[in-house]
């Protein structure tokens, strides 16, 4: 979803994301839609990190405890092993720093179908409300529980903005629709 970050500014401002987006951060997998400090003035700097910057699976060129926040929008589902990748994303975050991530919802984006109908590069699909029996599904509560010794969950929720249930079978993200799971936490 090439413009998911820009589309999310309004609801994130309303929900007080200023408390997470502060200091120096990284936007992993940003493409041309990097998180902007224009919307969150407590951001000192956001480093874009996409394929030309290194491998997001490991972020091996980034030292431990570098960032005050680590953000990704629709990137984790492209990683070979999201558990290993998330461990690296935690590694580059400072203790007390925030992790803010959005992944496509298996119901509202993937339409209960695997492999993905809309993005052939998706390596996993994601659920929140219940576990799925589709292959390659990651259940967000189970996923986050694997990191409970390093990560305190603040929230995990389904975000549906401008979603039209009458057009359920369409890829509504081609317009101004947001349909993802967003989870936020703090590194211990």
Protein backbone atom coordinates (compact mmCIF):
# COMPACT_ATOMS: atom_id res chain seq x y z
CA UNK A 1 0.00 0.00 0.00
CA UNK A 2 2.15 2.80 -1.33
CA UNK A 3 0.40 5.68 0.46
CA UNK A 4 -0.72 4.04 3.72
CA UNK A 5 1.44 6.31 5.87
CA UNK A 6 0.06 9.51 4.35
CA UNK A 7 -3.51 8.24 4.58
CA UNK A 8 -3.00 7.46 8.28
CA UNK A 9 -1.89 10.92 9.44
CA UNK A 10 -5.35 12.17 10.35
CA UNK A 11 -6.42 9.28 12.57
CA UNK A 12 -2.96 9.01 14.13
CA UNK A 13 -3.01 12.70 15.06
CA UNK A 14 -6.47 12.25 16.57
CA UNK A 15 -5.26 9.26 18.59
CA UNK A 16 -2.25 11.10 19.99
CA UNK A 17 0.57 9.36 18.16
CA UNK A 18 2.74 12.38 18.97
CA UNK A 19 3.72 10.49 22.12
CA UNK A 20 5.30 7.71 19.98
CA UNK A 21 6.68 9.73 17.09
CA UNK A 22 9.33 11.76 18.90
CA UNK A 23 13.08 11.98 18.69
CA UNK A 24 15.02 10.18 15.98
CA UNK A 25 13.23 7.38 14.17
CA UNK A 26 13.39 5.08 11.21
CA UNK A 27 10.69 4.30 8.64
CA UNK A 28 11.37 0.77 7.40
CA UNK A 29 10.02 -0.03 3.94
CA UNK A 30 8.83 3.53 3.35
CA UNK A 31 9.26 3.71 -0.40
CA UNK A 32 8.24 7.23 -1.44
CA UNK A 33 5.82 7.68 1.50
CA UNK A 34 8.16 8.31 4.42
CA UNK A 35 6.78 9.40 7.77
CA UNK A 36 6.91 13.19 7.92
CA UNK A 37 7.85 15.43 10.80
CA UNK A 38 5.46 17.99 9.27
CA UNK A 39 2.65 16.05 10.95
CA UNK A 40 4.49 15.12 14.14
CA UNK A 41 6.65 18.06 15.24
CA UNK A 42 8.32 16.10 18.07
CA UNK A 43 10.19 14.11 15.45
CA UNK A 44 13.77 15.34 15.19
CA UNK A 45 14.56 13.18 12.18
CA UNK A 46 13.21 10.14 10.35
CA UNK A 47 15.66 7.97 8.46
CA UNK A 48 14.08 6.33 5.43
CA UNK A 49 15.09 2.68 5.11
CA UNK A 50 14.17 0.82 1.97
CA UNK A 51 15.89 -1.67 -0.33
CA UNK A 52 18.57 0.81 -1.41
CA UNK A 53 19.53 1.38 2.25
CA UNK A 54 19.96 -2.27 3.24
CA UNK A 55 18.13 -5.49 4.04
CA UNK A 56 15.06 -4.84 6.22
CA UNK A 57 15.04 -8.52 7.21
CA UNK A 58 18.07 -7.91 9.43
CA UNK A 59 18.97 -4.18 9.34
CA UNK A 60 22.51 -5.49 9.76
CA UNK A 61 24.03 -2.13 8.85
CA UNK A 62 22.31 -0.41 11.81
CA UNK A 63 23.87 -0.55 15.30
CA UNK A 64 21.92 -1.72 18.34
CA UNK A 65 19.88 0.83 20.30
CA UNK A 66 20.00 3.52 17.59
CA UNK A 67 16.44 4.82 17.35
CA UNK A 68 13.86 6.39 19.64
CA UNK A 69 11.14 4.82 17.50
CA UNK A 70 10.93 2.20 14.77
CA UNK A 71 8.04 2.51 12.34
CA UNK A 72 6.93 0.38 9.42
CA UNK A 73 3.79 0.44 7.36
CA UNK A 74 3.03 -2.64 5.30
CA UNK A 75 6.56 -4.01 5.32
CA UNK A 76 6.61 -6.84 7.87
CA UNK A 77 4.43 -9.06 5.65
CA UNK A 78 7.18 -8.93 3.00
CA UNK A 79 9.90 -10.27 5.31
CA UNK A 80 11.13 -13.87 5.05
CA UNK A 81 10.60 -14.59 8.76
CA UNK A 82 8.69 -11.85 10.58
CA UNK A 83 9.75 -13.20 13.98
CA UNK A 84 13.45 -12.92 13.17
CA UNK A 85 12.92 -9.56 11.48
CA UNK A 86 10.97 -8.11 14.39
CA UNK A 87 13.77 -9.20 16.72
CA UNK A 88 16.18 -7.12 14.63
CA UNK A 89 13.79 -4.18 14.61
CA UNK A 90 13.68 -4.38 18.40
CA UNK A 91 17.47 -4.56 18.46
CA UNK A 92 17.85 -1.21 16.67
CA UNK A 93 15.35 0.50 18.99
CA UNK A 94 16.59 2.13 22.19
CA UNK A 95 15.29 0.79 25.53
CA UNK A 96 12.11 2.72 26.25
CA UNK A 97 11.68 3.44 22.53
CA UNK A 98 8.51 2.76 20.60
CA UNK A 99 7.62 0.32 17.85
CA UNK A 100 4.70 1.28 15.59
CA UNK A 101 3.76 -1.18 12.85
CA UNK A 102 0.92 -1.73 10.38
CA UNK A 103 0.29 -4.97 8.51
CA UNK A 104 -2.53 -5.83 6.06
CA UNK A 105 -5.53 -7.52 7.62
CA UNK A 106 -6.18 -11.05 6.36
CA UNK A 107 -9.93 -10.46 6.30
CA UNK A 108 -10.26 -6.95 4.94
CA UNK A 109 -7.26 -6.91 2.61
CA UNK A 110 -6.40 -10.51 1.78
CA UNK A 111 -10.11 -11.50 1.73
CA UNK A 112 -9.37 -14.84 3.45
CA UNK A 113 -7.31 -15.88 0.44
CA UNK A 114 -3.77 -17.22 0.27
CA UNK A 115 -1.59 -16.48 -1.56
CA UNK A 116 -2.52 -12.81 -1.65
CA UNK A 117 -4.76 -11.77 -4.50
CA UNK A 118 -3.42 -8.23 -4.46
CA UNK A 119 0.28 -8.51 -3.67
CA UNK A 120 2.26 -11.54 -4.80
CA UNK A 121 5.23 -10.48 -2.64
CA UNK A 122 3.37 -11.01 0.65
CA UNK A 123 5.05 -13.83 2.52
CA UNK A 124 2.59 -13.83 5.44
CA UNK A 125 -0.97 -12.77 6.16
CA UNK A 126 -2.05 -11.32 9.50
CA UNK A 127 -5.02 -11.71 11.83
CA UNK A 128 -5.98 -10.07 15.08
CA UNK A 129 -9.45 -11.10 16.18
CA UNK A 130 -8.95 -14.86 15.85
CA UNK A 131 -6.50 -17.44 14.55
CA UNK A 132 -6.82 -18.45 10.93
CA UNK A 133 -6.23 -21.80 9.31
CA UNK A 134 -4.76 -20.30 6.14
CA UNK A 135 -1.12 -21.16 5.52
CA UNK A 136 1.45 -18.47 6.39
CA UNK A 137 -0.90 -16.71 8.81
CA UNK A 138 0.49 -14.78 11.75
CA UNK A 139 -1.88 -14.11 14.66
CA UNK A 140 -0.80 -10.75 16.09
CA UNK A 141 -1.41 -11.59 19.80
CA UNK A 142 0.61 -14.82 19.48
CA UNK A 143 3.31 -12.96 17.55
CA UNK A 144 3.64 -10.23 20.16
CA UNK A 145 3.59 -12.77 22.99
CA UNK A 146 6.84 -14.23 21.62
CA UNK A 147 8.52 -10.92 22.46
CA UNK A 148 6.95 -10.24 25.87
CA UNK A 149 10.34 -10.38 27.59
CA UNK A 150 11.59 -7.49 25.39
CA UNK A 151 8.45 -5.63 24.42
CA UNK A 152 5.45 -4.18 26.27
CA UNK A 153 2.34 -4.08 24.10
CA UNK A 154 0.48 -0.77 24.23
CA UNK A 155 -2.21 -1.52 21.66
CA UNK A 156 -3.16 -3.80 18.80
CA UNK A 157 -6.21 -2.97 16.77
CA UNK A 158 -7.86 -3.22 13.39
CA UNK A 159 -8.03 0.12 11.58
CA UNK A 160 -10.74 0.56 8.96
CA UNK A 161 -10.93 4.07 7.50
CA UNK A 162 -13.20 4.77 4.52
CA UNK A 163 -13.90 1.03 4.21
CA UNK A 164 -17.02 0.11 2.23
CA UNK A 165 -18.35 -3.32 3.19
CA UNK A 166 -20.50 -3.27 0.06
CA UNK A 167 -17.28 -3.40 -1.95
CA UNK A 168 -15.70 -6.10 0.19
CA UNK A 169 -14.25 -8.14 -2.70
CA UNK A 170 -12.36 -5.16 -4.16
CA UNK A 171 -8.90 -3.92 -3.24
CA UNK A 172 -10.10 -0.69 -1.69
CA UNK A 173 -6.56 0.34 -0.72
CA UNK A 174 -6.07 1.52 -4.32
CA UNK A 175 -8.11 4.55 -3.24
CA UNK A 176 -8.23 6.29 0.12
CA UNK A 177 -9.07 3.26 2.26
CA UNK A 178 -7.05 1.98 5.19
CA UNK A 179 -7.62 -1.59 6.29
CA UNK A 180 -4.82 -2.88 8.43
CA UNK A 181 -3.82 -4.15 11.82
CA UNK A 182 -1.73 -1.71 13.77
CA UNK A 183 0.28 -2.61 16.83
CA UNK A 184 2.27 -0.36 19.10
CA UNK A 185 4.63 -1.20 21.91
CA UNK A 186 7.59 -0.09 23.91
CA UNK A 187 10.94 -1.79 24.13
CA UNK A 188 11.71 -2.84 27.70
